[in-house]
Amino acid sequence: NLLSHLNLHMDVAVYRGKVVKPEVVGFFETTNFTRFSAGIG
């Protein structure tokens, strides 16, 4: 809304992590991270 300067949005974000210390994380090779979000600004 350009008059009130308020902003509403929805997002999907994806990225991957490779395990470099399985003794810390557990016996995983990789993990896919997926985020679903909504916000006001």
PDB file of all heavy atoms in Angstrom:
ATOM      1  N   ASN A   1       0.862  -1.173   0.000  1.00  0.00           N
ATOM      2  CA  ASN A   1       0.000   0.000   0.000  1.00  0.00           C
ATOM      3  C   ASN A   1       0.902   1.227   0.000  1.00  0.00           C
ATOM      4  O   ASN A   1       1.609   1.497   0.969  1.00  0.00           O
ATOM      5  CB  ASN A   1      -0.916  -0.004   1.231  1.00  0.00           C
ATOM      6  CG  ASN A   1      -1.932   1.111   1.190  1.00  0.00           C
ATOM      7  OD1 ASN A   1      -1.590   2.276   1.050  1.00  0.00           O
ATOM      8  ND2 ASN A   1      -3.195   0.755   1.318  1.00  0.00           N
ATOM      9  N   LEU A   2       0.882   1.974  -1.101  1.00  0.00           N
ATOM     10  CA  LEU A   2       1.822   3.078  -1.267  1.00  0.00           C
ATOM     11  C   LEU A   2       1.483   4.284  -0.407  1.00  0.00           C
ATOM     12  O   LEU A   2       2.332   5.155  -0.211  1.00  0.00           O
ATOM     13  CB  LEU A   2       1.873   3.486  -2.749  1.00  0.00           C
ATOM     14  CG  LEU A   2       2.284   2.371  -3.722  1.00  0.00           C
ATOM     15  CD1 LEU A   2       2.206   2.856  -5.153  1.00  0.00           C
ATOM     16  CD2 LEU A   2       3.675   1.867  -3.391  1.00  0.00           C
ATOM     17  N   LEU A   3       0.260   4.348   0.101  1.00  0.00           N
ATOM     18  CA  LEU A   3      -0.127   5.477   0.947  1.00  0.00           C
ATOM     19  C   LEU A   3       0.296   5.254   2.401  1.00  0.00           C
ATOM     20  O   LEU A   3       0.837   6.148   3.047  1.00  0.00           O
ATOM     21  CB  LEU A   3      -1.640   5.706   0.860  1.00  0.00           C
ATOM     22  CG  LEU A   3      -2.182   6.100  -0.523  1.00  0.00           C
ATOM     23  CD1 LEU A   3      -3.682   6.296  -0.458  1.00  0.00           C
ATOM     24  CD2 LEU A   3      -1.490   7.367  -1.027  1.00  0.00           C
ATOM     25  N   SER A   4       0.041   4.036   2.912  1.00  0.00           N
ATOM     26  CA  SER A   4       0.400   3.737   4.301  1.00  0.00           C
ATOM     27  C   SER A   4       1.814   3.189   4.430  1.00  0.00           C
ATOM     28  O   SER A   4       2.329   3.062   5.532  1.00  0.00           O
ATOM     29  CB  SER A   4      -0.585   2.724   4.888  1.00  0.00           C
ATOM     30  OG  SER A   4      -0.484   1.485   4.217  1.00  0.00           O
ATOM     31  N   HIS A   5       2.434   2.823   3.284  1.00  0.00           N
ATOM     32  CA  HIS A   5       3.791   2.251   3.244  1.00  0.00           C
ATOM     33  C   HIS A   5       3.864   0.858   3.876  1.00  0.00           C
ATOM     34  O   HIS A   5       4.950   0.390   4.196  1.00  0.00           O
ATOM     35  CB  HIS A   5       4.805   3.174   3.920  1.00  0.00           C
ATOM     36  CG  HIS A   5       4.859   4.547   3.326  1.00  0.00           C
ATOM     37  ND1 HIS A   5       5.412   4.800   2.093  1.00  0.00           N
ATOM     38  CD2 HIS A   5       4.398   5.737   3.796  1.00  0.00           C
ATOM     39  CE1 HIS A   5       5.313   6.089   1.828  1.00  0.00           C
ATOM     40  NE2 HIS A   5       4.703   6.679   2.833  1.00  0.00           N
ATOM     41  N   LEU A   6       2.708   0.213   4.054  1.00  0.00           N
ATOM     42  CA  LEU A   6       2.703  -1.143   4.599  1.00  0.00           C
ATOM     43  C   LEU A   6       2.913  -2.154   3.473  1.00  0.00           C
ATOM     44  O   LEU A   6       2.463  -1.962   2.349  1.00  0.00           O
ATOM     45  CB  LEU A   6       1.394  -1.429   5.323  1.00  0.00           C
ATOM     46  CG  LEU A   6       1.184  -0.705   6.653  1.00  0.00           C
ATOM     47  CD1 LEU A   6      -0.172  -1.069   7.242  1.00  0.00           C
ATOM     48  CD2 LEU A   6       2.297  -1.034   7.639  1.00  0.00           C
ATOM     49  N   ASN A   7       3.579  -3.261   3.816  1.00  0.00           N
ATOM     50  CA  ASN A   7       3.925  -4.282   2.840  1.00  0.00           C
ATOM     51  C   ASN A   7       3.588  -5.649   3.404  1.00  0.00           C
ATOM     52  O   ASN A   7       3.968  -5.967   4.533  1.00  0.00           O
ATOM     53  CB  ASN A   7       5.420  -4.174   2.512  1.00  0.00           C
ATOM     54  CG  ASN A   7       5.868  -5.160   1.462  1.00  0.00           C
ATOM     55  OD1 ASN A   7       5.856  -6.364   1.679  1.00  0.00           O
ATOM     56  ND2 ASN A   7       6.288  -4.642   0.320  1.00  0.00           N
ATOM     57  N   LEU A   8       2.874  -6.462   2.629  1.00  0.00           N
ATOM     58  CA  LEU A   8       2.560  -7.837   3.006  1.00  0.00           C
ATOM     59  C   LEU A   8       3.226  -8.780   2.006  1.00  0.00           C
ATOM     60  O   LEU A   8       3.269  -8.473   0.807  1.00  0.00           O
ATOM     61  CB  LEU A   8       1.051  -8.084   3.002  1.00  0.00           C
ATOM     62  CG  LEU A   8       0.208  -7.198   3.914  1.00  0.00           C
ATOM     63  CD1 LEU A   8      -1.276  -7.475   3.693  1.00  0.00           C
ATOM     64  CD2 LEU A   8       0.566  -7.415   5.377  1.00  0.00           C
ATOM     65  N   HIS A   9       3.727  -9.909   2.486  1.00  0.00           N
ATOM     66  CA  HIS A   9       4.359 -10.811   1.536  1.00  0.00           C
ATOM     67  C   HIS A   9       4.352 -12.254   2.014  1.00  0.00           C
ATOM     68  O   HIS A   9       4.171 -12.547   3.196  1.00  0.00           O
ATOM     69  CB  HIS A   9       5.802 -10.372   1.250  1.00  0.00           C
ATOM     70  CG  HIS A   9       6.765 -10.681   2.354  1.00  0.00           C
ATOM     71  ND1 HIS A   9       7.479 -11.852   2.407  1.00  0.00           N
ATOM     72  CD2 HIS A   9       7.123  -9.979   3.445  1.00  0.00           C
ATOM     73  CE1 HIS A   9       8.236 -11.856   3.489  1.00  0.00           C
ATOM     74  NE2 HIS A   9       8.037 -10.739   4.138  1.00  0.00           N
ATOM     75  N   MET A  10       4.541 -13.164   1.052  1.00  0.00           N
ATOM     76  CA  MET A  10       4.715 -14.595   1.315  1.00  0.00           C
ATOM     77  C   MET A  10       5.944 -15.060   0.536  1.00  0.00           C
ATOM     78  O   MET A  10       6.179 -14.604  -0.587  1.00  0.00           O
ATOM     79  CB  MET A  10       3.476 -15.385   0.873  1.00  0.00           C
ATOM     80  CG  MET A  10       2.221 -15.059   1.645  1.00  0.00           C
ATOM     81  SD  MET A  10       0.820 -16.110   1.134  1.00  0.00           S
ATOM     82  CE  MET A  10       0.623 -15.578  -0.567  1.00  0.00           C
ATOM     83  N   ASP A  11       6.723 -15.957   1.146  1.00  0.00           N
ATOM     84  CA  ASP A  11       7.969 -16.407   0.530  1.00  0.00           C
ATOM     85  C   ASP A  11       8.162 -17.910   0.705  1.00  0.00           C
ATOM     86  O   ASP A  11       7.697 -18.496   1.689  1.00  0.00           O
ATOM     87  CB  ASP A  11       9.180 -15.710   1.169  1.00  0.00           C
ATOM     88  CG  ASP A  11       9.239 -14.234   0.840  1.00  0.00           C
ATOM     89  OD1 ASP A  11       9.641 -13.905  -0.281  1.00  0.00           O
ATOM     90  OD2 ASP A  11       8.888 -13.434   1.710  1.00  0.00           O
ATOM     91  N   VAL A  12       8.909 -18.496  -0.222  1.00  0.00           N
ATOM     92  CA  VAL A  12       9.427 -19.843  -0.097  1.00  0.00           C
ATOM     93  C   VAL A  12      10.923 -19.779  -0.386  1.00  0.00           C
ATOM     94  O   VAL A  12      11.332 -19.235  -1.421  1.00  0.00           O
ATOM     95  CB  VAL A  12       8.759 -20.833  -1.071  1.00  0.00           C
ATOM     96  CG1 VAL A  12       9.381 -22.211  -0.928  1.00  0.00           C
ATOM     97  CG2 VAL A  12       7.266 -20.896  -0.831  1.00  0.00           C
ATOM     98  N   ALA A  13      11.745 -20.302   0.528  1.00  0.00           N
ATOM     99  CA  ALA A  13      13.199 -20.292   0.352  1.00  0.00           C
ATOM    100  C   ALA A  13      13.729 -21.710   0.507  1.00  0.00           C
ATOM    101  O   ALA A  13      13.272 -22.462   1.378  1.00  0.00           O
ATOM    102  CB  ALA A  13      13.866 -19.374   1.371  1.00  0.00           C
ATOM    103  N   VAL A  14      14.674 -22.078  -0.346  1.00  0.00           N
ATOM    104  CA  VAL A  14      15.278 -23.414  -0.279  1.00  0.00           C
ATOM    105  C   VAL A  14      16.801 -23.292  -0.390  1.00  0.00           C
ATOM    106  O   VAL A  14      17.310 -22.476  -1.149  1.00  0.00           O
ATOM    107  CB  VAL A  14      14.741 -24.347  -1.393  1.00  0.00           C
ATOM    108  CG1 VAL A  14      13.285 -24.670  -1.173  1.00  0.00           C
ATOM    109  CG2 VAL A  14      14.943 -23.728  -2.771  1.00  0.00           C
ATOM    110  N   TYR A  15      17.504 -24.094   0.397  1.00  0.00           N
ATOM    111  CA  TYR A  15      18.952 -24.202   0.287  1.00  0.00           C
ATOM    112  C   TYR A  15      19.381 -25.529   0.894  1.00  0.00           C
ATOM    113  O   TYR A  15      18.572 -26.244   1.496  1.00  0.00           O
ATOM    114  CB  TYR A  15      19.665 -23.020   0.960  1.00  0.00           C
ATOM    115  CG  TYR A  15      19.315 -22.787   2.407  1.00  0.00           C
ATOM    116  CD1 TYR A  15      20.055 -23.362   3.433  1.00  0.00           C
ATOM    117  CD2 TYR A  15      18.245 -21.947   2.755  1.00  0.00           C
ATOM    118  CE1 TYR A  15      19.747 -23.131   4.762  1.00  0.00           C
ATOM    119  CE2 TYR A  15      17.926 -21.716   4.084  1.00  0.00           C
ATOM    120  CZ  TYR A  15      18.678 -22.308   5.079  1.00  0.00           C
ATOM    121  OH  TYR A  15      18.354 -22.077   6.398  1.00  0.00           O
ATOM    122  N   ARG A  16      20.659 -25.859   0.741  1.00  0.00           N
ATOM    123  CA  ARG A  16      21.156 -27.164   1.173  1.00  0.00           C
ATOM    124  C   ARG A  16      22.370 -27.000   2.081  1.00  0.00           C
ATOM    125  O   ARG A  16      23.134 -26.042   1.932  1.00  0.00           O
ATOM    126  CB  ARG A  16      21.522 -28.024  -0.045  1.00  0.00           C
ATOM    127  CG  ARG A  16      22.191 -29.348   0.292  1.00  0.00           C
ATOM    128  CD  ARG A  16      22.443 -30.192  -0.919  1.00  0.00           C
ATOM    129  NE  ARG A  16      21.200 -30.745  -1.445  1.00  0.00           N
ATOM    130  CZ  ARG A  16      21.141 -31.716  -2.350  1.00  0.00           C
ATOM    131  NH1 ARG A  16      22.255 -32.225  -2.850  1.00  0.00           N
ATOM    132  NH2 ARG A  16      19.983 -32.174  -2.772  1.00  0.00           N
ATOM    133  N   GLY A  17      22.528 -27.934   2.997  1.00  0.00           N
ATOM    134  CA  GLY A  17      23.701 -27.969   3.845  1.00  0.00           C
ATOM    135  C   GLY A  17      24.402 -29.305   3.750  1.00  0.00           C
ATOM    136  O   GLY A  17      23.754 -30.363   3.761  1.00  0.00           O
ATOM    137  N   LYS A  18      25.727 -29.281   3.639  1.00  0.00           N
ATOM    138  CA  LYS A  18      26.523 -30.505   3.639  1.00  0.00           C
ATOM    139  C   LYS A  18      27.126 -30.701   5.024  1.00  0.00           C
ATOM    140  O   LYS A  18      27.719 -29.787   5.599  1.00  0.00           O
ATOM    141  CB  LYS A  18      27.638 -30.415   2.591  1.00  0.00           C
ATOM    142  CG  LYS A  18      28.510 -31.654   2.527  1.00  0.00           C
ATOM    143  CD  LYS A  18      29.597 -31.520   1.467  1.00  0.00           C
ATOM    144  CE  LYS A  18      30.465 -32.761   1.416  1.00  0.00           C
ATOM    145  NZ  LYS A  18      31.543 -32.635   0.403  1.00  0.00           N
ATOM    146  N   VAL A  19      26.961 -31.892   5.561  1.00  0.00           N
ATOM    147  CA  VAL A  19      27.485 -32.185   6.894  1.00  0.00           C
ATOM    148  C   VAL A  19      29.002 -32.336   6.820  1.00  0.00           C
ATOM    149  O   VAL A  19      29.518 -33.134   6.039  1.00  0.00           O
ATOM    150  CB  VAL A  19      26.851 -33.457   7.465  1.00  0.00           C
ATOM    151  CG1 VAL A  19      27.497 -33.828   8.802  1.00  0.00           C
ATOM    152  CG2 VAL A  19      25.351 -33.275   7.638  1.00  0.00           C
ATOM    153  N   VAL A  20      29.706 -31.539   7.622  1.00  0.00           N
ATOM    154  CA  VAL A  20      31.166 -31.620   7.665  1.00  0.00           C
ATOM    155  C   VAL A  20      31.652 -32.226   8.978  1.00  0.00           C
ATOM    156  O   VAL A  20      32.820 -32.631   9.081  1.00  0.00           O
ATOM    157  CB  VAL A  20      31.794 -30.224   7.464  1.00  0.00           C
ATOM    158  CG1 VAL A  20      31.545 -29.728   6.051  1.00  0.00           C
ATOM    159  CG2 VAL A  20      31.266 -29.210   8.483  1.00  0.00           C
ATOM    160  N   LYS A  21      30.777 -32.309   9.978  1.00  0.00           N
ATOM    161  CA  LYS A  21      31.130 -32.941  11.250  1.00  0.00           C
ATOM    162  C   LYS A  21      29.988 -33.855  11.691  1.00  0.00           C
ATOM    163  O   LYS A  21      29.150 -33.475  12.512  1.00  0.00           O
ATOM    164  CB  LYS A  21      31.407 -31.882  12.319  1.00  0.00           C
ATOM    165  CG  LYS A  21      32.660 -31.057  12.061  1.00  0.00           C
ATOM    166  CD  LYS A  21      32.933 -30.091  13.214  1.00  0.00           C
ATOM    167  CE  LYS A  21      34.217 -29.315  12.987  1.00  0.00           C
ATOM    168  NZ  LYS A  21      34.502 -28.370  14.096  1.00  0.00           N
ATOM    169  N   PRO A  22      29.941 -35.088  11.164  1.00  0.00           N
ATOM    170  CA  PRO A  22      28.852 -36.004  11.536  1.00  0.00           C
ATOM    171  C   PRO A  22      28.844 -36.353  13.013  1.00  0.00           C
ATOM    172  O   PRO A  22      27.800 -36.697  13.555  1.00  0.00           O
ATOM    173  CB  PRO A  22      29.122 -37.242  10.661  1.00  0.00           C
ATOM    174  CG  PRO A  22      30.549 -37.133  10.242  1.00  0.00           C
ATOM    175  CD  PRO A  22      30.843 -35.670  10.159  1.00  0.00           C
ATOM    176  N   GLU A  23      29.992 -36.244  13.679  1.00  0.00           N
ATOM    177  CA  GLU A  23      30.020 -36.524  15.111  1.00  0.00           C
ATOM    178  C   GLU A  23      29.245 -35.478  15.904  1.00  0.00           C
ATOM    179  O   GLU A  23      28.829 -35.719  17.049  1.00  0.00           O
ATOM    180  CB  GLU A  23      31.474 -36.597  15.623  1.00  0.00           C
ATOM    181  CG  GLU A  23      32.242 -35.280  15.624  1.00  0.00           C
ATOM    182  CD  GLU A  23      32.887 -34.958  14.276  1.00  0.00           C
ATOM    183  OE1 GLU A  23      32.550 -35.622  13.269  1.00  0.00           O
ATOM    184  OE2 GLU A  23      33.723 -34.040  14.244  1.00  0.00           O
ATOM    185  N   VAL A  24      29.039 -34.299  15.299  1.00  0.00           N
ATOM    186  CA  VAL A  24      28.268 -33.235  15.942  1.00  0.00           C
ATOM    187  C   VAL A  24      26.799 -33.314  15.535  1.00  0.00           C
ATOM    188  O   VAL A  24      25.898 -33.188  16.368  1.00  0.00           O
ATOM    189  CB  VAL A  24      28.844 -31.848  15.575  1.00  0.00           C
ATOM    190  CG1 VAL A  24      27.941 -30.735  16.096  1.00  0.00           C
ATOM    191  CG2 VAL A  24      30.251 -31.701  16.135  1.00  0.00           C
ATOM    192  N   VAL A  25      26.571 -33.525  14.250  1.00  0.00           N
ATOM    193  CA  VAL A  25      25.220 -33.467  13.697  1.00  0.00           C
ATOM    194  C   VAL A  25      24.496 -34.801  13.814  1.00  0.00           C
ATOM    195  O   VAL A  25      23.296 -34.869  14.097  1.00  0.00           O
ATOM    196  CB  VAL A  25      25.276 -33.031  12.215  1.00  0.00           C
ATOM    197  CG1 VAL A  25      23.900 -33.079  11.580  1.00  0.00           C
ATOM    198  CG2 VAL A  25      25.884 -31.637  12.110  1.00  0.00           C
ATOM    199  N   GLY A  26      25.198 -35.860  13.576  1.00  0.00           N
ATOM    200  CA  GLY A  26      24.581 -37.168  13.429  1.00  0.00           C
ATOM    201  C   GLY A  26      25.002 -37.732  12.078  1.00  0.00           C
ATOM    202  O   GLY A  26      25.690 -37.087  11.298  1.00  0.00           O
ATOM    203  N   PHE A  27      24.597 -38.936  11.787  1.00  0.00           N
ATOM    204  CA  PHE A  27      25.076 -39.597  10.577  1.00  0.00           C
ATOM    205  C   PHE A  27      24.234 -39.208   9.368  1.00  0.00           C
ATOM    206  O   PHE A  27      23.548 -40.029   8.763  1.00  0.00           O
ATOM    207  CB  PHE A  27      25.102 -41.115  10.804  1.00  0.00           C
ATOM    208  CG  PHE A  27      26.109 -41.506  11.841  1.00  0.00           C
ATOM    209  CD1 PHE A  27      25.706 -41.883  13.113  1.00  0.00           C
ATOM    210  CD2 PHE A  27      27.464 -41.460  11.558  1.00  0.00           C
ATOM    211  CE1 PHE A  27      26.635 -42.231  14.078  1.00  0.00           C
ATOM    212  CE2 PHE A  27      28.404 -41.815  12.516  1.00  0.00           C
ATOM    213  CZ  PHE A  27      27.984 -42.191  13.784  1.00  0.00           C
ATOM    214  N   PHE A  28      24.313 -37.916   9.024  1.00  0.00           N
ATOM    215  CA  PHE A  28      23.663 -37.390   7.841  1.00  0.00           C
ATOM    216  C   PHE A  28      24.727 -36.992   6.821  1.00  0.00           C
ATOM    217  O   PHE A  28      25.832 -36.591   7.181  1.00  0.00           O
ATOM    218  CB  PHE A  28      22.804 -36.162   8.159  1.00  0.00           C
ATOM    219  CG  PHE A  28      21.722 -36.424   9.165  1.00  0.00           C
ATOM    220  CD1 PHE A  28      21.435 -35.488  10.153  1.00  0.00           C
ATOM    221  CD2 PHE A  28      20.980 -37.586   9.118  1.00  0.00           C
ATOM    222  CE1 PHE A  28      20.439 -35.713  11.077  1.00  0.00           C
ATOM    223  CE2 PHE A  28      19.971 -37.828  10.046  1.00  0.00           C
ATOM    224  CZ  PHE A  28      19.704 -36.892  11.022  1.00  0.00           C
ATOM    225  N   GLU A  29      24.353 -37.067   5.551  1.00  0.00           N
ATOM    226  CA  GLU A  29      25.246 -36.634   4.476  1.00  0.00           C
ATOM    227  C   GLU A  29      24.941 -35.203   4.064  1.00  0.00           C
ATOM    228  O   GLU A  29      25.836 -34.358   3.976  1.00  0.00           O
ATOM    229  CB  GLU A  29      25.113 -37.574   3.281  1.00  0.00           C
ATOM    230  CG  GLU A  29      26.081 -37.264   2.153  1.00  0.00           C
ATOM    231  CD  GLU A  29      25.985 -38.292   1.043  1.00  0.00           C
ATOM    232  OE1 GLU A  29      25.133 -39.207   1.137  1.00  0.00           O
ATOM    233  OE2 GLU A  29      26.748 -38.181   0.070  1.00  0.00           O
ATOM    234  N   THR A  30      23.678 -34.935   3.802  1.00  0.00           N
ATOM    235  CA  THR A  30      23.224 -33.580   3.443  1.00  0.00           C
ATOM    236  C   THR A  30      21.863 -33.330   4.073  1.00  0.00           C
ATOM    237  O   THR A  30      21.160 -34.276   4.477  1.00  0.00           O
ATOM    238  CB  THR A  30      23.099 -33.398   1.914  1.00  0.00           C
ATOM    239  OG1 THR A  30      22.141 -34.338   1.413  1.00  0.00           O
ATOM    240  CG2 THR A  30      24.440 -33.582   1.219  1.00  0.00           C
ATOM    241  N   THR A  31      21.501 -32.059   4.134  1.00  0.00           N
ATOM    242  CA  THR A  31      20.173 -31.673   4.603  1.00  0.00           C
ATOM    243  C   THR A  31      19.632 -30.586   3.681  1.00  0.00           C
ATOM    244  O   THR A  31      20.329 -29.615   3.380  1.00  0.00           O
ATOM    245  CB  THR A  31      20.215 -31.150   6.044  1.00  0.00           C
ATOM    246  OG1 THR A  31      20.643 -32.197   6.924  1.00  0.00           O
ATOM    247  CG2 THR A  31      18.838 -30.664   6.487  1.00  0.00           C
ATOM    248  N   ASN A  32      18.399 -30.761   3.231  1.00  0.00           N
ATOM    249  CA  ASN A  32      17.698 -29.722   2.475  1.00  0.00           C
ATOM    250  C   ASN A  32      16.840 -28.898   3.426  1.00  0.00           C
ATOM    251  O   ASN A  32      16.009 -29.460   4.150  1.00  0.00           O
ATOM    252  CB  ASN A  32      16.815 -30.338   1.383  1.00  0.00           C
ATOM    253  CG  ASN A  32      17.634 -30.997   0.293  1.00  0.00           C
ATOM    254  OD1 ASN A  32      18.712 -30.536  -0.055  1.00  0.00           O
ATOM    255  ND2 ASN A  32      17.131 -32.101  -0.245  1.00  0.00           N
ATOM    256  N   PHE A  33      17.038 -27.587   3.408  1.00  0.00           N
ATOM    257  CA  PHE A  33      16.278 -26.663   4.250  1.00  0.00           C
ATOM    258  C   PHE A  33      15.222 -25.972   3.380  1.00  0.00           C
ATOM    259  O   PHE A  33      15.554 -25.378   2.351  1.00  0.00           O
ATOM    260  CB  PHE A  33      17.193 -25.604   4.857  1.00  0.00           C
ATOM    261  CG  PHE A  33      18.247 -26.132   5.788  1.00  0.00           C
ATOM    262  CD1 PHE A  33      19.414 -26.692   5.289  1.00  0.00           C
ATOM    263  CD2 PHE A  33      18.078 -26.065   7.164  1.00  0.00           C
ATOM    264  CE1 PHE A  33      20.408 -27.172   6.133  1.00  0.00           C
ATOM    265  CE2 PHE A  33      19.059 -26.543   8.026  1.00  0.00           C
ATOM    266  CZ  PHE A  33      20.215 -27.102   7.510  1.00  0.00           C
ATOM    267  N   THR A  34      13.970 -26.039   3.810  1.00  0.00           N
ATOM    268  CA  THR A  34      12.883 -25.363   3.102  1.00  0.00           C
ATOM    269  C   THR A  34      12.124 -24.483   4.083  1.00  0.00           C
ATOM    270  O   THR A  34      11.714 -24.946   5.143  1.00  0.00           O
ATOM    271  CB  THR A  34      11.914 -26.363   2.457  1.00  0.00           C
ATOM    272  OG1 THR A  34      12.651 -27.254   1.612  1.00  0.00           O
ATOM    273  CG2 THR A  34      10.860 -25.650   1.629  1.00  0.00           C
ATOM    274  N   ARG A  35      11.945 -23.214   3.702  1.00  0.00           N
ATOM    275  CA  ARG A  35      11.255 -22.247   4.567  1.00  0.00           C
ATOM    276  C   ARG A  35      10.010 -21.701   3.869  1.00  0.00           C
ATOM    277  O   ARG A  35      10.088 -21.277   2.711  1.00  0.00           O
ATOM    278  CB  ARG A  35      12.170 -21.083   4.931  1.00  0.00           C
ATOM    279  CG  ARG A  35      13.407 -21.467   5.728  1.00  0.00           C
ATOM    280  CD  ARG A  35      14.250 -20.229   6.037  1.00  0.00           C
ATOM    281  NE  ARG A  35      15.446 -20.550   6.788  1.00  0.00           N
ATOM    282  CZ  ARG A  35      15.511 -20.626   8.112  1.00  0.00           C
ATOM    283  NH1 ARG A  35      14.411 -20.382   8.831  1.00  0.00           N
ATOM    284  NH2 ARG A  35      16.625 -20.928   8.729  1.00  0.00           N
ATOM    285  N   PHE A  36       8.892 -21.698   4.584  1.00  0.00           N
ATOM    286  CA  PHE A  36       7.663 -21.052   4.126  1.00  0.00           C
ATOM    287  C   PHE A  36       7.353 -19.928   5.111  1.00  0.00           C
ATOM    288  O   PHE A  36       7.296 -20.182   6.325  1.00  0.00           O
ATOM    289  CB  PHE A  36       6.497 -22.040   4.092  1.00  0.00           C
ATOM    290  CG  PHE A  36       6.743 -23.262   3.256  1.00  0.00           C
ATOM    291  CD1 PHE A  36       7.288 -24.408   3.822  1.00  0.00           C
ATOM    292  CD2 PHE A  36       6.424 -23.275   1.909  1.00  0.00           C
ATOM    293  CE1 PHE A  36       7.513 -25.545   3.069  1.00  0.00           C
ATOM    294  CE2 PHE A  36       6.649 -24.407   1.140  1.00  0.00           C
ATOM    295  CZ  PHE A  36       7.192 -25.547   1.726  1.00  0.00           C
ATOM    296  N   SER A  37       7.160 -18.722   4.620  1.00  0.00           N
ATOM    297  CA  SER A  37       6.968 -17.607   5.553  1.00  0.00           C
ATOM    298  C   SER A  37       5.969 -16.587   5.023  1.00  0.00           C
ATOM    299  O   SER A  37       5.711 -16.501   3.820  1.00  0.00           O
ATOM    300  CB  SER A  37       8.302 -16.905   5.841  1.00  0.00           C
ATOM    301  OG  SER A  37       8.802 -16.278   4.678  1.00  0.00           O
ATOM    302  N   ALA A  38       5.429 -15.817   5.957  1.00  0.00           N
ATOM    303  CA  ALA A  38       4.581 -14.666   5.650  1.00  0.00           C
ATOM    304  C   ALA A  38       5.011 -13.541   6.580  1.00  0.00           C
ATOM    305  O   ALA A  38       5.479 -13.784   7.700  1.00  0.00           O
ATOM    306  CB  ALA A  38       3.104 -14.998   5.850  1.00  0.00           C
ATOM    307  N   GLY A  39       4.860 -12.312   6.118  1.00  0.00           N
ATOM    308  CA  GLY A  39       5.332 -11.201   6.942  1.00  0.00           C
ATOM    309  C   GLY A  39       4.650  -9.889   6.629  1.00  0.00           C
ATOM    310  O   GLY A  39       3.921  -9.754   5.637  1.00  0.00           O
ATOM    311  N   ILE A  40       4.899  -8.924   7.490  1.00  0.00           N
ATOM    312  CA  ILE A  40       4.400  -7.569   7.319  1.00  0.00           C
ATOM    313  C   ILE A  40       5.564  -6.614   7.511  1.00  0.00           C
ATOM    314  O   ILE A  40       6.412  -6.814   8.391  1.00  0.00           O
ATOM    315  CB  ILE A  40       3.245  -7.255   8.304  1.00  0.00           C
ATOM    316  CG1 ILE A  40       2.691  -5.851   8.047  1.00  0.00           C
ATOM    317  CG2 ILE A  40       3.686  -7.424   9.763  1.00  0.00           C
ATOM    318  CD1 ILE A  40       1.414  -5.577   8.805  1.00  0.00           C
ATOM    319  N   GLY A  41       5.629  -5.604   6.676  1.00  0.00           N
ATOM    320  CA  GLY A  41       6.749  -4.673   6.737  1.00  0.00           C
ATOM    321  C   GLY A  41       6.319  -3.231   6.545  1.00  0.00           C
ATOM    322  O   GLY A  41       5.164  -2.938   6.227  1.00  0.00           O
TER     323      GLY A  41
END
